[in-house]
């Protein structure tokens, strides 16, 4: 079935019949790319000023275009703009409305550019702003973790490997591990932003333009670091979006790991922390339930972002140069990734300052599972026992403790000496939780003094990267 709108497209000169109605709806992108309107207008304003700068437009034409675009932006902001599927995308909707308002000058705006370089520019402008917004949320969460680490620098807890009690650590040290993951995420985003901030505008459809454009001037107006070097690459590649999504997938993977621990820790079986009520929900049938919905949802949403990364990689894997309509499919995965990451970071940055740490439960858990066994082995080594022999001695002591229902620190000196005669009364200094963590007083260690020092270094690093 043909469209009843007639052949009213800006590109309709080549065609003898209207677009099929279903095809028109199927190929339209305005339903999702209209969120780029602000950046599309920003790019058009810069393009108009550049065309005036090189003498392609008159000053009066430029002023009409600028005023018209600013009015359209205000209309969109207040919900008074009608988006038309028949005009396909955000670019043609805005250009058509501009022409309706200011006449022939509106038709001149597209001189020296194509929708190919226009959309590539819009996405980069949009993603640049979104990276900055994500970075701000990331910094809020990092600050919350630093505050929590500093507050709980002395709080004892079990450290785990294989989800089995391994060695005593401090809760503050654990929070600093989360912080360091986010440091790398922030660095990846900052590095990605450098490659986002390259301008495709002026590449036109694929080969550049015969008009005397000044791409450096356009780049300066839009705050880009430089124009793209190659017109074919500029309009057709989306590696900047893939790179961002890869960084986002890693960030979400880190948040998913945080979530897994918070879900475990807030369970009755662990009871290490209490999540604020406002970040949890109840059950419609079981009145006692307090469900950790926020961490669970973040853990689940991680799959969306990983899926979006695979979708974008698959989208690009077989495209010949230059632009192909396939690239219309780049925006929805990218937009969904941005929304998911921003939302997940925001809810975590809001939740973590209100986390209640159950210190007594954490300390009690650290006293179980023979968490100071390594400290006993280290003690024996300092007494001249070879490490492998010390390992065997401690293993036998642990076996005895399992059978007797006693932790190492609960055994008498005589009980311990049956495994090695070199053990003295001073062994109990290293078998306590406090002695164990205090002994790891080196850069990167779990000792409370090291946690506090790490927090201060981290605050300095954040100030340096966010002046």
Protein backbone atom coordinates (compact mmCIF):
# COMPACT_ATOMS: atom_id res chain seq x y z
CA UNK A 1 0.00 0.00 0.00
CA UNK A 2 1.44 3.38 -0.96
CA UNK A 3 1.59 6.34 1.39
CA UNK A 4 -1.27 8.81 0.98
CA UNK A 5 1.05 11.70 1.73
CA UNK A 6 2.41 11.86 -1.79
CA UNK A 7 6.04 12.23 -2.67
CA UNK A 8 6.97 14.94 -0.14
CA UNK A 9 10.43 13.74 0.93
CA UNK A 10 13.46 16.02 0.62
CA UNK A 11 15.02 13.29 -1.54
CA UNK A 12 11.88 12.62 -3.64
CA UNK A 13 13.14 14.02 -6.96
CA UNK A 14 14.51 10.63 -8.04
CA UNK A 15 11.26 8.76 -7.33
CA UNK A 16 8.02 8.29 -9.26
CA UNK A 17 5.83 6.89 -6.48
CA UNK A 18 5.35 7.46 -2.80
CA UNK A 19 6.91 5.26 -0.17
CA UNK A 20 4.86 2.27 0.89
CA UNK A 21 3.09 3.09 4.19
CA UNK A 22 4.53 0.11 6.04
CA UNK A 23 8.01 0.72 4.64
CA UNK A 24 7.74 4.33 5.73
CA UNK A 25 7.01 3.28 9.31
CA UNK A 26 9.52 0.40 9.22
CA UNK A 27 12.42 2.58 8.07
CA UNK A 28 11.64 5.65 10.19
CA UNK A 29 13.91 6.36 13.15
CA UNK A 30 12.29 9.49 14.54
CA UNK A 31 10.61 7.48 17.30
CA UNK A 32 13.97 7.04 19.00
CA UNK A 33 16.44 9.48 17.41
CA UNK A 34 14.35 12.51 18.36
CA UNK A 35 16.21 12.48 21.67
CA UNK A 36 19.12 13.89 19.64
CA UNK A 37 17.23 17.09 18.82
CA UNK A 38 19.33 19.36 21.01
CA UNK A 39 22.56 18.10 19.52
CA UNK A 40 21.15 18.10 15.99
CA UNK A 41 20.27 21.77 16.42
CA UNK A 42 23.67 22.46 17.95
CA UNK A 43 25.38 20.94 14.92
CA UNK A 44 23.12 22.83 12.51
CA UNK A 45 23.81 26.14 14.24
CA UNK A 46 27.55 25.57 13.93
CA UNK A 47 27.18 24.47 10.30
CA UNK A 48 25.18 27.60 9.43
CA UNK A 49 27.75 29.86 11.08
CA UNK A 50 30.56 28.08 9.27
CA UNK A 51 28.78 28.46 5.91
CA UNK A 52 28.41 32.17 6.65
CA UNK A 53 32.06 32.36 7.71
CA UNK A 54 33.16 31.02 4.29
CA UNK A 55 30.64 33.10 2.31
CA UNK A 56 28.17 30.38 1.26
CA UNK A 57 25.35 31.95 3.30
CA UNK A 58 24.66 35.63 3.84
CA UNK A 59 24.54 37.12 7.30
CA UNK A 60 20.77 37.60 6.96
CA UNK A 61 20.26 33.97 5.93
CA UNK A 62 22.36 32.80 8.85
CA UNK A 63 20.40 34.93 11.29
CA UNK A 64 17.11 33.57 9.97
CA UNK A 65 18.40 30.01 10.34
CA UNK A 66 19.73 30.62 13.85
CA UNK A 67 16.52 32.27 15.04
CA UNK A 68 14.38 29.58 13.42
CA UNK A 69 16.36 26.74 14.97
CA UNK A 70 16.26 28.36 18.40
CA UNK A 71 12.49 28.71 18.15
CA UNK A 72 12.17 25.06 17.13
CA UNK A 73 14.27 24.00 20.12
CA UNK A 74 11.98 25.96 22.43
CA UNK A 75 8.93 24.32 20.82
CA UNK A 76 10.41 20.87 21.37
CA UNK A 77 11.28 21.66 24.96
CA UNK A 78 7.70 22.70 25.76
CA UNK A 79 6.14 19.80 23.87
CA UNK A 80 4.72 21.91 21.03
CA UNK A 81 6.58 20.20 18.19
CA UNK A 82 4.85 17.58 16.04
CA UNK A 83 7.18 14.76 15.08
CA UNK A 84 6.17 13.25 11.72
CA UNK A 85 7.03 9.65 10.83
CA UNK A 86 6.74 10.60 7.16
CA UNK A 87 9.84 12.75 7.58
CA UNK A 88 11.78 9.71 8.81
CA UNK A 89 14.21 11.12 11.35
CA UNK A 90 15.13 13.95 13.68
CA UNK A 91 17.11 15.78 10.97
CA UNK A 92 14.40 15.99 8.35
CA UNK A 93 11.70 16.84 10.90
CA UNK A 94 13.69 19.83 12.14
CA UNK A 95 14.78 20.92 8.66
CA UNK A 96 11.22 20.70 7.29
CA UNK A 97 9.87 22.78 10.16
CA UNK A 98 12.67 25.30 9.70
CA UNK A 99 11.83 25.67 6.00
CA UNK A 100 8.14 26.12 6.84
CA UNK A 101 9.08 28.97 9.16
CA UNK A 102 11.81 30.86 7.32
CA UNK A 103 11.39 29.80 3.69
CA UNK A 104 14.20 29.34 1.18
CA UNK A 105 16.97 30.00 3.72
CA UNK A 106 15.92 26.82 5.50
CA UNK A 107 16.59 24.81 2.36
CA UNK A 108 20.11 26.21 2.20
CA UNK A 109 21.11 24.87 5.62
CA UNK A 110 21.94 21.43 4.24
CA UNK A 111 24.50 22.85 1.80
CA UNK A 112 27.81 21.01 2.12
CA UNK A 113 26.60 18.24 4.40
CA UNK A 114 24.66 14.98 4.33
CA UNK A 115 22.53 13.14 6.84
CA UNK A 116 25.46 10.71 6.98
CA UNK A 117 27.89 13.17 8.55
CA UNK A 118 25.04 14.92 10.37
CA UNK A 119 23.96 11.84 12.34
CA UNK A 120 27.54 10.82 13.06
CA UNK A 121 28.13 14.32 14.46
CA UNK A 122 24.90 14.30 16.48
CA UNK A 123 25.70 10.99 18.13
CA UNK A 124 29.19 12.11 19.08
CA UNK A 125 27.89 15.36 20.55
CA UNK A 126 25.23 13.48 22.48
CA UNK A 127 27.55 10.73 23.71
CA UNK A 128 30.14 13.28 24.78
CA UNK A 129 27.59 14.93 27.08
CA UNK A 130 26.34 11.59 28.37
CA UNK A 131 29.87 10.43 29.21
CA UNK A 132 30.31 13.59 31.26
CA UNK A 133 27.02 12.93 33.06
CA UNK A 134 27.96 9.29 33.72
CA UNK A 135 31.35 10.39 35.01
CA UNK A 136 29.64 12.71 37.49
CA UNK A 137 27.45 9.87 38.81
CA UNK A 138 30.49 7.62 38.95
CA UNK A 139 32.31 10.22 41.05
CA UNK A 140 29.34 10.40 43.44
CA UNK A 141 29.47 6.65 43.96
CA UNK A 142 33.25 6.71 44.41
CA UNK A 143 32.89 9.40 47.07
CA UNK A 144 30.23 7.34 48.86
CA UNK A 145 32.57 4.33 48.89
CA UNK A 146 35.45 6.40 50.23
CA UNK A 147 33.26 7.77 53.02
CA UNK A 148 32.12 4.24 53.89
CA UNK A 149 35.67 2.87 53.79
CA UNK A 150 36.90 5.60 56.09
CA UNK A 151 34.02 5.08 58.51
CA UNK A 152 34.55 1.30 58.61
CA UNK A 153 38.36 1.23 58.46
CA UNK A 154 38.53 -0.75 61.74
CA UNK A 155 35.51 -2.98 61.10
CA UNK A 156 36.60 -6.61 60.99
CA UNK A 157 35.08 -9.07 58.52
CA UNK A 158 36.02 -12.31 56.81
CA UNK A 159 37.69 -12.09 53.45
CA UNK A 160 36.63 -14.83 51.05
CA UNK A 161 38.04 -16.90 48.25
CA UNK A 162 35.75 -19.44 46.55
CA UNK A 163 33.09 -17.91 48.87
CA UNK A 164 34.88 -19.70 51.74
CA UNK A 165 36.33 -17.83 54.70
CA UNK A 166 39.97 -17.09 53.85
CA UNK A 167 41.58 -14.38 56.01
CA UNK A 168 40.38 -11.52 58.20
CA UNK A 169 40.15 -8.16 56.47
CA UNK A 170 38.49 -4.86 57.23
CA UNK A 171 35.23 -3.71 55.73
CA UNK A 172 36.94 -0.49 54.70
CA UNK A 173 39.51 -2.48 52.75
CA UNK A 174 36.73 -4.32 50.95
CA UNK A 175 35.06 -1.03 49.98
CA UNK A 176 38.36 0.23 48.62
CA UNK A 177 38.49 -2.81 46.32
CA UNK A 178 35.17 -1.70 44.86
CA UNK A 179 36.52 1.84 44.59
CA UNK A 180 39.55 0.72 42.58
CA UNK A 181 37.29 -1.04 40.07
CA UNK A 182 35.48 2.24 39.53
CA UNK A 183 38.77 4.11 39.15
CA UNK A 184 39.53 1.96 36.12
CA UNK A 185 36.01 2.46 34.79
CA UNK A 186 36.39 6.23 35.05
CA UNK A 187 39.74 6.07 33.27
CA UNK A 188 38.28 3.97 30.45
CA UNK A 189 35.43 6.44 29.98
CA UNK A 190 37.82 9.41 29.97
CA UNK A 191 40.01 7.69 27.39
CA UNK A 192 36.99 6.73 25.28
CA UNK A 193 35.79 10.34 25.34
CA UNK A 194 38.95 11.43 23.52
CA UNK A 195 38.00 9.32 20.50
CA UNK A 196 34.35 10.36 20.72
CA UNK A 197 35.41 13.99 20.50
CA UNK A 198 36.43 13.90 16.83
CA UNK A 199 34.15 15.70 14.35
CA UNK A 200 32.67 13.95 11.28
CA UNK A 201 30.87 17.09 10.03
CA UNK A 202 32.09 18.08 6.58
CA UNK A 203 32.58 14.51 5.43
CA UNK A 204 29.16 14.88 3.75
CA UNK A 205 27.81 11.64 2.26
CA UNK A 206 31.21 9.92 2.02
CA UNK A 207 33.64 11.95 -0.10
CA UNK A 208 33.57 15.43 1.38
CA UNK A 209 32.06 18.41 -0.42
CA UNK A 210 33.02 20.77 -3.21
CA UNK A 211 31.95 23.80 -1.18
CA UNK A 212 34.74 25.82 0.49
CA UNK A 213 33.95 24.65 4.02
CA UNK A 214 36.17 25.27 7.05
CA UNK A 215 36.03 22.11 9.12
CA UNK A 216 38.46 23.40 11.72
CA UNK A 217 36.14 26.34 12.33
CA UNK A 218 33.14 24.03 12.76
CA UNK A 219 35.11 21.83 15.15
CA UNK A 220 36.04 24.87 17.22
CA UNK A 221 32.41 26.01 17.40
CA UNK A 222 31.29 22.57 18.57
CA UNK A 223 34.12 21.95 21.02
CA UNK A 224 35.59 19.01 19.11
CA UNK A 225 39.30 18.33 19.45
CA UNK A 226 39.72 17.99 15.68
CA UNK A 227 37.87 17.12 12.47
CA UNK A 228 37.96 13.48 11.37
CA UNK A 229 40.84 12.85 8.95
CA UNK A 230 39.05 10.62 6.45
CA UNK A 231 35.55 11.25 5.10
CA UNK A 232 34.76 7.58 4.40
CA UNK A 233 35.70 6.53 7.92
CA UNK A 234 34.00 9.55 9.49
CA UNK A 235 30.51 8.70 8.25
CA UNK A 236 30.59 4.92 8.38
CA UNK A 237 32.36 3.78 11.53
CA UNK A 238 30.78 3.43 14.96
CA UNK A 239 33.78 2.18 16.89
CA UNK A 240 33.43 5.11 19.29
CA UNK A 241 29.96 3.85 20.26
CA UNK A 242 31.24 0.27 20.54
CA UNK A 243 34.16 1.39 22.69
CA UNK A 244 31.83 3.29 25.00
CA UNK A 245 29.50 0.30 25.27
CA UNK A 246 32.45 -1.98 26.04
CA UNK A 247 33.53 0.35 28.83
CA UNK A 248 29.92 0.48 30.03
CA UNK A 249 29.68 -3.33 30.02
CA UNK A 250 32.76 -3.54 32.24
CA UNK A 251 31.36 -0.89 34.56
CA UNK A 252 28.06 -2.76 34.80
CA UNK A 253 29.94 -6.00 35.44
CA UNK A 254 31.58 -4.33 38.41
CA UNK A 255 28.23 -3.07 39.68
CA UNK A 256 26.85 -6.58 39.21
CA UNK A 257 29.61 -7.97 41.42
CA UNK A 258 28.83 -5.33 44.04
CA UNK A 259 25.18 -6.34 43.75
CA UNK A 260 25.90 -10.01 44.23
CA UNK A 261 27.77 -9.30 47.45
CA UNK A 262 25.10 -6.95 48.79
CA UNK A 263 22.41 -9.52 48.01
CA UNK A 264 24.35 -12.18 49.92
CA UNK A 265 25.36 -9.87 52.75
CA UNK A 266 21.82 -8.62 53.34
CA UNK A 267 20.40 -12.16 53.54
CA UNK A 268 19.47 -13.72 56.88
CA UNK A 269 22.20 -16.31 56.39
CA UNK A 270 24.95 -13.66 56.22
CA UNK A 271 23.34 -10.64 57.92
CA UNK A 272 26.41 -8.46 57.31
CA UNK A 273 24.60 -5.32 56.16
CA UNK A 274 21.15 -3.80 56.16
CA UNK A 275 19.96 -2.05 53.00
CA UNK A 276 17.85 1.08 53.50
CA UNK A 277 14.14 0.33 53.32
CA UNK A 278 13.62 2.87 50.55
CA UNK A 279 15.80 0.78 48.24
CA UNK A 280 13.97 -2.48 48.93
CA UNK A 281 10.50 -3.93 48.40
CA UNK A 282 8.32 -6.47 50.18
CA UNK A 283 6.31 -9.50 49.18
CA UNK A 284 2.64 -9.48 48.28
CA UNK A 285 2.13 -12.72 50.23
CA UNK A 286 5.00 -13.03 52.76
CA UNK A 287 4.88 -10.10 55.19
CA UNK A 288 8.34 -10.73 56.64
CA UNK A 289 10.18 -10.26 53.36
CA UNK A 290 12.55 -7.40 52.60
CA UNK A 291 13.84 -7.95 49.09
CA UNK A 292 17.08 -6.35 47.78
CA UNK A 293 15.43 -5.30 44.53
CA UNK A 294 17.88 -2.55 43.60
CA UNK A 295 20.99 -4.78 43.62
CA UNK A 296 19.05 -7.57 41.94
CA UNK A 297 17.86 -5.27 39.16
CA UNK A 298 21.33 -3.84 38.60
CA UNK A 299 22.69 -7.38 38.42
CA UNK A 300 20.00 -8.21 35.87
CA UNK A 301 20.45 -5.03 33.84
CA UNK A 302 24.10 -5.90 33.34
CA UNK A 303 22.95 -8.46 30.79
CA UNK A 304 21.25 -5.72 28.77
CA UNK A 305 24.46 -3.76 28.40
CA UNK A 306 26.52 -6.82 27.54
CA UNK A 307 23.86 -7.69 24.97
CA UNK A 308 24.00 -4.17 23.54
CA UNK A 309 27.76 -4.51 23.10
CA UNK A 310 27.32 -7.75 21.16
CA UNK A 311 24.55 -6.15 19.09
CA UNK A 312 26.78 -3.23 18.07
CA UNK A 313 29.73 -5.47 17.25
CA UNK A 314 27.48 -7.68 15.15
CA UNK A 315 25.95 -4.63 13.46
CA UNK A 316 29.33 -3.45 12.20
CA UNK A 317 31.07 -6.74 11.45
CA UNK A 318 30.16 -7.05 7.74
CA UNK A 319 29.50 -3.50 6.56
CA UNK A 320 31.42 -2.33 3.51
CA UNK A 321 32.44 1.33 3.34
CA UNK A 322 30.84 3.78 3.53
CA UNK A 323 27.50 4.45 5.24
CA UNK A 324 24.77 1.77 5.21
CA UNK A 325 21.22 1.88 6.50
CA UNK A 326 22.22 -0.83 8.99
CA UNK A 327 23.67 1.98 11.10
CA UNK A 328 20.20 3.19 11.95
CA UNK A 329 20.29 0.25 14.37
CA UNK A 330 23.19 1.72 16.36
CA UNK A 331 21.14 4.20 18.35
CA UNK A 332 18.74 2.05 20.35
CA UNK A 333 21.45 -0.18 21.89
CA UNK A 334 23.56 2.90 22.58
CA UNK A 335 20.67 4.85 24.13
CA UNK A 336 19.64 1.86 26.24
CA UNK A 337 23.22 1.45 27.47
CA UNK A 338 23.43 5.09 28.48
CA UNK A 339 20.10 5.02 30.29
CA UNK A 340 20.94 1.77 32.08
CA UNK A 341 24.38 2.87 33.24
CA UNK A 342 23.22 6.29 34.39
CA UNK A 343 20.29 4.84 36.29
CA UNK A 344 22.36 2.10 37.91
CA UNK A 345 25.06 4.51 39.03
CA UNK A 346 22.53 6.99 40.37
CA UNK A 347 20.71 4.43 42.49
CA UNK A 348 23.99 3.06 43.87
CA UNK A 349 25.33 6.54 44.64
CA UNK A 350 22.09 7.27 46.52
CA UNK A 351 21.99 3.92 48.33
CA UNK A 352 25.54 3.37 49.56
CA UNK A 353 25.75 6.34 52.00
CA UNK A 354 22.75 4.89 53.87
CA UNK A 355 24.09 1.32 54.08
CA UNK A 356 24.08 0.02 57.67
CA UNK A 357 27.03 -2.22 58.50
CA UNK A 358 26.42 -4.90 61.14
CA UNK A 359 29.83 -4.84 62.77
CA UNK A 360 29.23 -7.49 65.43
CA UNK A 361 27.95 -9.99 62.87
CA UNK A 362 30.91 -9.32 60.59
CA UNK A 363 33.40 -9.84 63.42
CA UNK A 364 31.68 -13.03 64.53
CA UNK A 365 31.79 -14.38 60.98
CA UNK A 366 35.50 -13.58 60.78
CA UNK A 367 36.10 -15.65 63.91
CA UNK A 368 34.72 -18.73 62.22
CA UNK A 369 36.30 -20.71 59.43
CA UNK A 370 39.87 -20.60 60.86
CA UNK A 371 40.53 -17.27 59.17
CA UNK A 372 43.87 -16.77 60.97
CA UNK A 373 45.34 -20.08 59.78
CA UNK A 374 47.71 -18.27 57.41
CA UNK A 375 48.88 -16.09 60.30
CA UNK A 376 49.79 -19.23 62.25
CA UNK A 377 51.74 -20.53 59.24
CA UNK A 378 53.58 -17.21 58.93
CA UNK A 379 54.35 -17.35 62.67
CA UNK A 380 55.92 -20.79 62.26
CA UNK A 381 58.00 -19.60 59.31
CA UNK A 382 59.35 -16.76 61.43
CA UNK A 383 60.32 -19.44 63.98
CA UNK A 384 62.41 -21.24 61.38
CA UNK A 385 59.91 -23.76 60.00
CA UNK A 386 59.91 -24.15 56.21
CA UNK A 387 56.67 -22.81 54.73
CA UNK A 388 55.52 -26.13 53.27
CA UNK A 389 56.10 -27.81 56.63
CA UNK A 390 54.33 -24.96 58.39
CA UNK A 391 51.41 -25.36 55.98
CA UNK A 392 51.11 -29.04 56.93
CA UNK A 393 51.31 -28.27 60.65
CA UNK A 394 48.53 -25.71 60.44
CA UNK A 395 46.42 -28.04 58.33
CA UNK A 396 46.59 -30.65 61.10
CA UNK A 397 45.71 -28.00 63.69
CA UNK A 398 42.70 -26.98 61.64
CA UNK A 399 41.61 -30.62 61.31
CA UNK A 400 41.82 -30.92 65.09
CA UNK A 401 39.82 -27.71 65.49
CA UNK A 402 37.08 -28.95 63.16
CA UNK A 403 36.73 -32.12 65.22
CA UNK A 404 36.89 -30.29 68.56
CA UNK A 405 34.65 -27.39 67.48
CA UNK A 406 37.34 -24.84 68.33
CA UNK A 407 38.85 -22.00 66.34
CA UNK A 408 42.65 -21.67 66.46
CA UNK A 409 42.47 -18.70 68.83
CA UNK A 410 40.27 -20.74 71.18
CA UNK A 411 42.81 -23.55 71.60
CA UNK A 412 45.15 -23.67 74.59
CA UNK A 413 48.89 -23.36 74.19
CA UNK A 414 49.29 -27.06 74.97
CA UNK A 415 46.77 -27.96 72.27
CA UNK A 416 48.68 -25.91 69.71
CA UNK A 417 52.10 -27.19 70.79
CA UNK A 418 51.09 -30.78 70.03
CA UNK A 419 51.45 -29.81 66.38
CA UNK A 420 54.78 -27.95 66.71
CA UNK A 421 57.05 -27.43 69.72
CA UNK A 422 58.24 -24.04 68.44
CA UNK A 423 54.85 -22.44 69.21
CA UNK A 424 55.06 -20.08 72.19
CA UNK A 425 52.69 -17.93 74.22
CA UNK A 426 53.16 -15.05 71.79
CA UNK A 427 51.27 -17.02 69.14
CA UNK A 428 48.02 -15.60 70.44
CA UNK A 429 49.12 -12.13 69.34
CA UNK A 430 48.83 -13.26 65.72
CA UNK A 431 45.77 -15.48 66.11
CA UNK A 432 43.46 -12.60 67.02
CA UNK A 433 41.55 -10.86 64.25
CA UNK A 434 42.95 -7.50 65.26
CA UNK A 435 46.50 -8.81 65.22
CA UNK A 436 45.99 -10.43 61.84
CA UNK A 437 44.78 -7.31 60.06
CA UNK A 438 47.24 -5.02 61.85
CA UNK A 439 50.12 -7.20 60.66
CA UNK A 440 49.28 -6.42 57.02
CA UNK A 441 50.48 -2.86 57.38
CA UNK A 442 51.88 -2.17 53.93
CA UNK A 443 50.73 -0.39 50.78
CA UNK A 444 47.63 -2.18 49.56
CA UNK A 445 47.21 -4.13 52.80
CA UNK A 446 44.10 -4.42 54.95
CA UNK A 447 45.48 -2.80 58.13
CA UNK A 448 43.21 0.05 59.32
CA UNK A 449 46.06 2.55 59.03
CA UNK A 450 46.61 1.50 55.41
CA UNK A 451 42.90 1.78 54.63
CA UNK A 452 42.81 5.34 55.95
CA UNK A 453 45.94 6.23 54.00
CA UNK A 454 44.44 4.69 50.85
CA UNK A 455 41.28 6.77 51.31
CA UNK A 456 43.31 9.96 51.54
CA UNK A 457 45.34 9.11 48.44
CA UNK A 458 42.11 8.30 46.62
CA UNK A 459 40.56 11.63 47.56
CA UNK A 460 43.65 13.39 46.22
CA UNK A 461 43.46 11.41 42.97
CA UNK A 462 39.80 12.36 42.55
CA UNK A 463 40.53 16.03 43.16
CA UNK A 464 43.31 15.90 40.57
CA UNK A 465 41.09 14.27 37.95
CA UNK A 466 38.06 16.49 38.72
CA UNK A 467 39.55 19.96 39.36
